[in-house]
Amino acid sequence: MKVRELMNSWESNSQHNEGEEKYQLRLPRRDAARVEALTSLYPGLNKNEVMAQLVEVALDEVERQMPYKQGSKVVSVDEQGDPLYEDVGLTPRYLELRHQFAQGLTGKKNRLMGK
């Protein structure tokens, strides 16, 4: 989701949750004022929802912008028959870690719910 899409969803008050984890953070006053201003613009949302959705959009953008670092191993070919090389940058490790943490958080939730 991009920021424009997020703001459109705020306009329509549509939200989606796939489970939640609680985090506490400190914000510089300038950023706190920005969150409060957004919350005032969209009275159907509270500041926790605004911050959670902003974090989601920021993380989506980080994933989109994560640099590709070409390795020497050919892993596939594209439609024109050109080789596609493995990514030896941070992206594969990040995706692996993201998957591990997601599984751990799901397991934690299941344990808490007695599943």
C-alpha atoms as a PDB file:
ATOM      1  CA  MET A   1       0.000   0.000   0.000  1.00  0.00           C
ATOM      2  CA  LYS A   2       1.231   3.467  -0.769  1.00  0.00           C
ATOM      3  CA  VAL A   3       0.635   6.595   1.298  1.00  0.00           C
ATOM      4  CA  ARG A   4      -2.044   7.860  -1.099  1.00  0.00           C
ATOM      5  CA  GLU A   5      -3.896   4.541  -0.812  1.00  0.00           C
ATOM      6  CA  LEU A   6      -3.600   4.698   2.969  1.00  0.00           C
ATOM      7  CA  MET A   7      -5.122   8.155   3.073  1.00  0.00           C
ATOM      8  CA  ASN A   8      -7.933   6.999   0.775  1.00  0.00           C
ATOM      9  CA  SER A   9      -8.623   4.105   3.141  1.00  0.00           C
ATOM     10  CA  TRP A  10      -8.716   6.566   6.026  1.00  0.00           C
ATOM     11  CA  GLU A  11     -11.319   8.547   4.120  1.00  0.00           C
ATOM     12  CA  SER A  12     -13.483   5.443   3.840  1.00  0.00           C
ATOM     13  CA  ASN A  13     -12.505   4.158   7.308  1.00  0.00           C
ATOM     14  CA  SER A  14     -11.674   0.732   5.903  1.00  0.00           C
ATOM     15  CA  GLN A  15      -9.144  -1.214   7.937  1.00  0.00           C
ATOM     16  CA  HIS A  16      -7.674  -4.665   7.957  1.00  0.00           C
ATOM     17  CA  ASN A  17      -5.919  -6.556  10.706  1.00  0.00           C
ATOM     18  CA  GLU A  18      -4.171  -9.882  10.421  1.00  0.00           C
ATOM     19  CA  GLY A  19      -3.419 -10.150  14.123  1.00  0.00           C
ATOM     20  CA  GLU A  20      -1.529  -7.631  16.129  1.00  0.00           C
ATOM     21  CA  GLU A  21       1.532  -7.318  18.333  1.00  0.00           C
ATOM     22  CA  LYS A  22       1.907  -4.548  20.856  1.00  0.00           C
ATOM     23  CA  TYR A  23       4.884  -2.190  20.601  1.00  0.00           C
ATOM     24  CA  GLN A  24       5.656   0.926  22.554  1.00  0.00           C
ATOM     25  CA  LEU A  25       7.693   3.734  21.088  1.00  0.00           C
ATOM     26  CA  ARG A  26       8.756   7.254  21.817  1.00  0.00           C
ATOM     27  CA  LEU A  27       8.286   9.877  19.138  1.00  0.00           C
ATOM     28  CA  PRO A  28       9.986  13.218  18.769  1.00  0.00           C
ATOM     29  CA  ARG A  29       7.506  16.021  19.490  1.00  0.00           C
ATOM     30  CA  ARG A  30       7.419  17.026  15.827  1.00  0.00           C
ATOM     31  CA  ASP A  31       6.343  13.510  14.801  1.00  0.00           C
ATOM     32  CA  ALA A  32       3.867  13.270  17.689  1.00  0.00           C
ATOM     33  CA  ALA A  33       2.296  16.517  16.487  1.00  0.00           C
ATOM     34  CA  ARG A  34       2.051  15.079  12.977  1.00  0.00           C
ATOM     35  CA  VAL A  35       0.292  11.947  14.259  1.00  0.00           C
ATOM     36  CA  GLU A  36      -2.104  14.073  16.326  1.00  0.00           C
ATOM     37  CA  ALA A  37      -2.841  16.266  13.286  1.00  0.00           C
ATOM     38  CA  LEU A  38      -3.620  13.212  11.128  1.00  0.00           C
ATOM     39  CA  THR A  39      -5.813  11.796  13.878  1.00  0.00           C
ATOM     40  CA  SER A  40      -7.716  15.083  13.983  1.00  0.00           C
ATOM     41  CA  LEU A  41      -8.190  15.030  10.208  1.00  0.00           C
ATOM     42  CA  TYR A  42      -9.592  11.503  10.330  1.00  0.00           C
ATOM     43  CA  PRO A  43     -11.760  11.338  13.462  1.00  0.00           C
ATOM     44  CA  GLY A  44     -12.788   7.750  12.739  1.00  0.00           C
ATOM     45  CA  LEU A  45      -9.244   6.648  13.609  1.00  0.00           C
ATOM     46  CA  ASN A  46      -7.308   6.812  16.831  1.00  0.00           C
ATOM     47  CA  LYS A  47      -3.612   7.614  17.022  1.00  0.00           C
ATOM     48  CA  ASN A  48      -2.634   3.965  17.512  1.00  0.00           C
ATOM     49  CA  GLU A  49      -4.393   3.029  14.271  1.00  0.00           C
ATOM     50  CA  VAL A  50      -2.746   5.937  12.448  1.00  0.00           C
ATOM     51  CA  MET A  51       0.716   4.970  13.707  1.00  0.00           C
ATOM     52  CA  ALA A  52       0.223   1.278  12.974  1.00  0.00           C
ATOM     53  CA  GLN A  53      -0.896   1.988   9.433  1.00  0.00           C
ATOM     54  CA  LEU A  54       1.933   4.462   8.859  1.00  0.00           C
ATOM     55  CA  VAL A  55       4.432   1.840  10.014  1.00  0.00           C
ATOM     56  CA  GLU A  56       2.841  -0.702   7.662  1.00  0.00           C
ATOM     57  CA  VAL A  57       3.113   1.649   4.684  1.00  0.00           C
ATOM     58  CA  ALA A  58       6.696   2.595   5.576  1.00  0.00           C
ATOM     59  CA  LEU A  59       7.717  -1.062   5.866  1.00  0.00           C
ATOM     60  CA  ASP A  60       6.063  -1.847   2.517  1.00  0.00           C
ATOM     61  CA  GLU A  61       8.111   0.949   0.969  1.00  0.00           C
ATOM     62  CA  VAL A  62      11.327  -0.296   2.611  1.00  0.00           C
ATOM     63  CA  GLU A  63      10.690  -3.726   1.089  1.00  0.00           C
ATOM     64  CA  ARG A  64      10.046  -2.218  -2.353  1.00  0.00           C
ATOM     65  CA  GLN A  65      13.227  -0.139  -2.168  1.00  0.00           C
ATOM     66  CA  MET A  66      15.515  -2.860  -0.819  1.00  0.00           C
ATOM     67  CA  PRO A  67      18.417  -2.998  -3.268  1.00  0.00           C
ATOM     68  CA  TYR A  68      19.073  -6.003  -5.473  1.00  0.00           C
ATOM     69  CA  LYS A  69      22.677  -7.155  -5.548  1.00  0.00           C
ATOM     70  CA  GLN A  70      23.428  -9.442  -8.471  1.00  0.00           C
ATOM     71  CA  GLY A  71      25.243 -12.657  -7.722  1.00  0.00           C
ATOM     72  CA  SER A  72      27.047 -14.917 -10.174  1.00  0.00           C
ATOM     73  CA  LYS A  73      24.568 -17.831 -10.080  1.00  0.00           C
ATOM     74  CA  VAL A  74      21.852 -17.911 -12.756  1.00  0.00           C
ATOM     75  CA  VAL A  75      18.560 -18.879 -11.099  1.00  0.00           C
ATOM     76  CA  SER A  76      16.178 -18.464 -14.022  1.00  0.00           C
ATOM     77  CA  VAL A  77      15.692 -16.851 -17.417  1.00  0.00           C
ATOM     78  CA  ASP A  78      13.248 -14.134 -18.377  1.00  0.00           C
ATOM     79  CA  GLU A  79      10.753 -14.136 -21.288  1.00  0.00           C
ATOM     80  CA  GLN A  80      13.480 -13.087 -23.739  1.00  0.00           C
ATOM     81  CA  GLY A  81      15.813 -15.857 -22.584  1.00  0.00           C
ATOM     82  CA  ASP A  82      18.099 -13.506 -20.675  1.00  0.00           C
ATOM     83  CA  PRO A  83      19.610 -14.887 -17.480  1.00  0.00           C
ATOM     84  CA  LEU A  84      18.271 -13.836 -14.081  1.00  0.00           C
ATOM     85  CA  TYR A  85      20.883 -13.906 -11.356  1.00  0.00           C
ATOM     86  CA  GLU A  86      20.459 -14.691  -7.676  1.00  0.00           C
ATOM     87  CA  ASP A  87      20.177 -11.765  -5.273  1.00  0.00           C
ATOM     88  CA  VAL A  88      23.153 -11.838  -2.906  1.00  0.00           C
ATOM     89  CA  GLY A  89      22.187  -8.609  -1.164  1.00  0.00           C
ATOM     90  CA  LEU A  90      20.186  -8.194   2.012  1.00  0.00           C
ATOM     91  CA  THR A  91      16.798  -8.986   0.476  1.00  0.00           C
ATOM     92  CA  PRO A  92      16.961 -12.800   0.646  1.00  0.00           C
ATOM     93  CA  ARG A  93      18.175 -12.720   4.255  1.00  0.00           C
ATOM     94  CA  TYR A  94      15.525 -10.154   5.169  1.00  0.00           C
ATOM     95  CA  LEU A  95      12.776 -12.293   3.621  1.00  0.00           C
ATOM     96  CA  GLU A  96      14.049 -15.357   5.471  1.00  0.00           C
ATOM     97  CA  LEU A  97      14.112 -13.477   8.782  1.00  0.00           C
ATOM     98  CA  ARG A  98      10.680 -11.969   8.143  1.00  0.00           C
ATOM     99  CA  HIS A  99       9.298 -15.462   7.568  1.00  0.00           C
ATOM    100  CA  GLN A 100      10.961 -16.813  10.726  1.00  0.00           C
ATOM    101  CA  PHE A 101       9.637 -13.978  12.880  1.00  0.00           C
ATOM    102  CA  ALA A 102       6.152 -14.281  11.375  1.00  0.00           C
ATOM    103  CA  GLN A 103       6.101 -17.993  12.214  1.00  0.00           C
ATOM    104  CA  GLY A 104       7.334 -17.249  15.730  1.00  0.00           C
ATOM    105  CA  LEU A 105       4.679 -14.602  16.280  1.00  0.00           C
ATOM    106  CA  THR A 106       1.965 -16.924  14.964  1.00  0.00           C
ATOM    107  CA  GLY A 107       3.209 -19.697  17.253  1.00  0.00           C
ATOM    108  CA  LYS A 108       3.210 -17.304  20.191  1.00  0.00           C
ATOM    109  CA  LYS A 109      -0.380 -16.293  19.438  1.00  0.00           C
ATOM    110  CA  ASN A 110      -1.455 -19.935  19.147  1.00  0.00           C
ATOM    111  CA  ARG A 111       0.203 -20.790  22.463  1.00  0.00           C
ATOM    112  CA  LEU A 112      -1.567 -17.889  24.168  1.00  0.00           C
ATOM    113  CA  MET A 113      -4.902 -19.000  22.735  1.00  0.00           C
ATOM    114  CA  GLY A 114      -4.346 -22.618  23.769  1.00  0.00           C
ATOM    115  CA  LYS A 115      -4.081 -24.017  20.235  1.00  0.00           C
END
